[in-house]
Protein backbone atom coordinates (compact mmCIF):
# COMPACT_ATOMS: atom_id res chain seq x y z
CA MET A 1 6.39 -14.83 32.56
CA LYS A 2 5.09 -11.84 30.60
CA ASN A 3 6.94 -11.01 27.41
CA THR A 4 8.76 -7.71 27.30
CA VAL A 5 8.54 -5.32 24.37
CA LEU A 6 12.00 -6.55 23.39
CA ASP A 7 10.80 -10.17 23.32
CA ASP A 8 7.91 -9.17 21.06
CA ILE A 9 10.26 -7.28 18.71
CA ILE A 10 12.72 -10.16 18.45
CA GLU A 11 9.87 -12.57 17.80
CA SER A 12 8.43 -10.27 15.11
CA PHE A 13 11.75 -9.82 13.30
CA PRO A 14 13.63 -13.11 13.69
CA ASP A 15 15.93 -12.53 10.69
CA GLU A 16 17.09 -9.04 11.73
CA ASP A 17 20.32 -8.20 13.52
CA ILE A 18 19.13 -6.13 16.46
CA LEU A 19 21.69 -4.46 18.73
CA LYS A 20 20.72 -4.51 22.40
CA ALA A 21 22.07 -2.43 25.25
CA ASP A 22 23.12 -4.95 27.90
CA GLY A 23 21.05 -4.83 31.05
CA PHE A 24 18.29 -2.60 29.72
CA ASP A 25 15.87 -5.10 28.15
CA LYS A 26 12.97 -3.78 30.25
CA ALA A 27 13.63 -0.23 29.02
CA VAL A 28 12.90 -1.02 25.35
CA ILE A 29 9.80 0.85 24.17
CA GLY A 30 9.91 0.14 20.44
CA ILE A 31 11.88 -0.16 17.23
CA GLU A 32 12.56 2.24 14.37
CA LEU A 33 11.46 0.18 11.39
CA ASP A 34 13.51 1.93 8.69
CA THR A 35 16.83 1.25 10.44
CA MET A 36 15.81 -1.58 12.82
CA ARG A 37 17.29 0.34 15.76
CA LEU A 38 15.81 -0.33 19.18
CA ILE A 39 14.25 2.61 21.01
CA TYR A 40 14.89 2.84 24.74
CA SER A 41 13.17 4.99 27.34
CA LYS A 42 15.77 7.07 29.16
CA LEU A 43 13.50 7.20 32.20
CA LYS A 44 13.23 3.40 32.29
CA CYS A 45 17.02 3.12 31.91
CA ILE A 46 17.45 5.43 34.89
CA GLU A 47 15.04 3.27 36.89
CA VAL A 48 16.98 0.12 35.94
CA ILE A 49 20.26 1.68 37.11
CA MET A 50 18.71 2.87 40.37
CA LEU A 51 17.26 -0.59 41.07
CA THR A 52 20.51 -2.40 40.35
CA SER A 53 22.89 -0.04 42.14
CA ASP A 54 22.97 2.36 45.04
CA LEU A 55 22.94 5.43 42.79
CA THR A 56 20.54 8.32 43.32
CA TYR A 57 18.45 9.64 40.44
CA ASP A 58 20.98 12.40 39.65
CA GLU A 59 23.90 9.98 39.88
CA ALA A 60 22.14 7.51 37.58
CA VAL A 61 21.47 10.27 35.04
CA GLU A 62 25.12 11.35 35.14
CA PHE A 63 26.34 7.76 34.79
CA LEU A 64 24.07 7.04 31.84
CA ASP A 65 24.81 10.36 30.11
CA PHE A 66 28.54 9.69 30.32
CA ASN A 67 28.65 5.93 29.73
CA VAL A 68 25.61 4.97 27.68
CA PHE A 69 23.51 7.65 26.01
CA GLY A 70 26.38 9.30 24.16
CA SER A 71 27.99 6.10 22.93
CA TYR A 72 28.07 5.31 19.23
CA VAL A 73 28.44 1.63 18.39
CA GLY A 74 27.74 1.66 14.69
CA GLU A 75 24.72 2.06 12.46
CA LEU A 76 22.54 -0.01 14.81
CA THR A 77 23.25 2.23 17.81
CA PRO A 78 20.03 2.34 19.85
CA ILE A 79 17.81 5.40 19.95
CA TRP A 80 17.48 6.95 23.41
CA CYS A 81 14.04 8.52 23.80
CA ASP A 82 14.20 11.43 26.24
CA ASP A 83 11.00 10.94 28.20
CA THR A 84 12.45 12.35 31.41
CA LEU A 85 10.83 15.77 31.01
């Protein structure tokens, strides 16, 4: 099985506490090295939601905007890269 970007990051930084967003491992596109915050692709998150539910694109965007992208869970809160444009 091919490693994901997340797998590579965890392997590269085994001693770091890295906060993951549950269910979105395939949407990780990198890490911000100064703060060790994961960077997620919003577009990939939308695709994950659409594949795992019966939501349309617009419904997935609304769900993620309300429930995920605006959430603050401390200093390791992931970075949400807006690549949907």
